[in-house]
C-alpha atoms as a PDB file:
ATOM      1  CA  UNK A   1     151.701-174.247 -62.026  1.00  0.00           C
ATOM      2  CA  UNK A   2     152.485-177.578 -60.385  1.00  0.00           C
ATOM      3  CA  UNK A   3     148.946-178.834 -61.055  1.00  0.00           C
ATOM      4  CA  UNK A   4     149.242-177.904 -64.726  1.00  0.00           C
ATOM      5  CA  UNK A   5     152.538-179.782 -65.062  1.00  0.00           C
ATOM      6  CA  UNK A   6     151.083-182.788 -63.223  1.00  0.00           C
ATOM      7  CA  UNK A   7     148.072-182.796 -65.541  1.00  0.00           C
ATOM      8  CA  UNK A   8     150.300-182.553 -68.612  1.00  0.00           C
ATOM      9  CA  UNK A   9     152.424-185.436 -67.311  1.00  0.00           C
ATOM     10  CA  UNK A  10     149.241-187.440 -66.742  1.00  0.00           C
ATOM     11  CA  UNK A  11     148.123-186.754 -70.316  1.00  0.00           C
ATOM     12  CA  UNK A  12     151.494-187.815 -71.719  1.00  0.00           C
ATOM     13  CA  UNK A  13     151.537-191.045 -69.682  1.00  0.00           C
ATOM     14  CA  UNK A  14     147.929-191.832 -70.625  1.00  0.00           C
ATOM     15  CA  UNK A  15     148.654-191.151 -74.287  1.00  0.00           C
ATOM     16  CA  UNK A  16     151.783-193.301 -74.341  1.00  0.00           C
ATOM     17  CA  UNK A  17     149.985-196.099 -72.498  1.00  0.00           C
ATOM     18  CA  UNK A  18     147.121-195.996 -74.974  1.00  0.00           C
ATOM     19  CA  UNK A  19     149.556-196.017 -77.878  1.00  0.00           C
ATOM     20  CA  UNK A  20     151.366-199.053 -76.441  1.00  0.00           C
ATOM     21  CA  UNK A  21     148.093-200.920 -76.052  1.00  0.00           C
ATOM     22  CA  UNK A  22     146.924-199.934 -79.551  1.00  0.00           C
ATOM     23  CA  UNK A  23     150.173-200.895 -81.282  1.00  0.00           C
ATOM     24  CA  UNK A  24     150.652-204.211 -79.426  1.00  0.00           C
ATOM     25  CA  UNK A  25     147.327-205.985 -79.754  1.00  0.00           C
ATOM     26  CA  UNK A  26     148.720-209.511 -80.152  1.00  0.00           C
ATOM     27  CA  UNK A  27     147.210-211.712 -77.437  1.00  0.00           C
ATOM     28  CA  UNK A  28     149.594-213.583 -75.130  1.00  0.00           C
ATOM     29  CA  UNK A  29     148.986-216.082 -72.366  1.00  0.00           C
ATOM     30  CA  UNK A  30     151.133-215.808 -69.249  1.00  0.00           C
ATOM     31  CA  UNK A  31     151.892-219.130 -67.543  1.00  0.00           C
ATOM     32  CA  UNK A  32     152.355-218.450 -63.829  1.00  0.00           C
ATOM     33  CA  UNK A  33     153.611-221.854 -62.640  1.00  0.00           C
ATOM     34  CA  UNK A  34     155.077-225.020 -64.085  1.00  0.00           C
ATOM     35  CA  UNK A  35     152.766-228.018 -64.299  1.00  0.00           C
ATOM     36  CA  UNK A  36     151.892-229.529 -60.920  1.00  0.00           C
ATOM     37  CA  UNK A  37     150.141-232.817 -61.533  1.00  0.00           C
ATOM     38  CA  UNK A  38     149.293-231.789 -65.086  1.00  0.00           C
ATOM     39  CA  UNK A  39     147.674-228.484 -64.013  1.00  0.00           C
ATOM     40  CA  UNK A  40     148.948-225.131 -65.270  1.00  0.00           C
ATOM     41  CA  UNK A  41     148.031-221.867 -63.580  1.00  0.00           C
ATOM     42  CA  UNK A  42     147.682-219.259 -66.307  1.00  0.00           C
ATOM     43  CA  UNK A  43     146.220-215.809 -66.798  1.00  0.00           C
ATOM     44  CA  UNK A  44     143.533-215.284 -69.428  1.00  0.00           C
ATOM     45  CA  UNK A  45     144.803-214.112 -72.814  1.00  0.00           C
ATOM     46  CA  UNK A  46     145.612-210.399 -72.695  1.00  0.00           C
ATOM     47  CA  UNK A  47     146.953-208.034 -75.348  1.00  0.00           C
ATOM     48  CA  UNK A  48     150.709-207.660 -74.956  1.00  0.00           C
ATOM     49  CA  UNK A  49     150.540-203.863 -74.675  1.00  0.00           C
ATOM     50  CA  UNK A  50     148.004-204.089 -71.865  1.00  0.00           C
ATOM     51  CA  UNK A  51     150.199-206.568 -69.997  1.00  0.00           C
ATOM     52  CA  UNK A  52     153.194-204.223 -70.342  1.00  0.00           C
ATOM     53  CA  UNK A  53     151.203-201.213 -69.106  1.00  0.00           C
ATOM     54  CA  UNK A  54     149.758-203.168 -66.160  1.00  0.00           C
ATOM     55  CA  UNK A  55     153.176-204.414 -65.059  1.00  0.00           C
ATOM     56  CA  UNK A  56     154.664-200.921 -65.347  1.00  0.00           C
ATOM     57  CA  UNK A  57     151.976-199.368 -63.174  1.00  0.00           C
ATOM     58  CA  UNK A  58     152.164-202.275 -60.719  1.00  0.00           C
ATOM     59  CA  UNK A  59     155.888-201.597 -60.356  1.00  0.00           C
ATOM     60  CA  UNK A  60     155.223-197.885 -59.813  1.00  0.00           C
ATOM     61  CA  UNK A  61     152.612-198.738 -57.168  1.00  0.00           C
ATOM     62  CA  UNK A  62     154.943-201.133 -55.341  1.00  0.00           C
ATOM     63  CA  UNK A  63     157.747-198.545 -55.382  1.00  0.00           C
ATOM     64  CA  UNK A  64     155.393-195.879 -54.038  1.00  0.00           C
ATOM     65  CA  UNK A  65     154.153-198.137 -51.232  1.00  0.00           C
ATOM     66  CA  UNK A  66     157.711-199.102 -50.281  1.00  0.00           C
ATOM     67  CA  UNK A  67     158.789-195.451 -50.212  1.00  0.00           C
ATOM     68  CA  UNK A  68     155.845-194.644 -47.942  1.00  0.00           C
ATOM     69  CA  UNK A  69     156.824-197.506 -45.636  1.00  0.00           C
ATOM     70  CA  UNK A  70     160.433-196.336 -45.413  1.00  0.00           C
ATOM     71  CA  UNK A  71     159.266-192.814 -44.559  1.00  0.00           C
ATOM     72  CA  UNK A  72     156.942-194.232 -41.922  1.00  0.00           C
ATOM     73  CA  UNK A  73     159.706-196.337 -40.335  1.00  0.00           C
ATOM     74  CA  UNK A  74     162.156-193.417 -40.033  1.00  0.00           C
END
């Protein structure tokens, strides 16, 4: 039963992520640093929805890694 619920949760998250990417296709450029000597460090243009989904899953990954580290330290 737990595997079925996990699979359904995966399908919902994948569907919502795909919908976010589909509905937010406007390209944005993320500037990482201010100009140092006239040089900007930027990411290539990405669709806004994709950037939102990537940052969400990066946050989930960082939280998961930190929770594993706290369990390991105890």
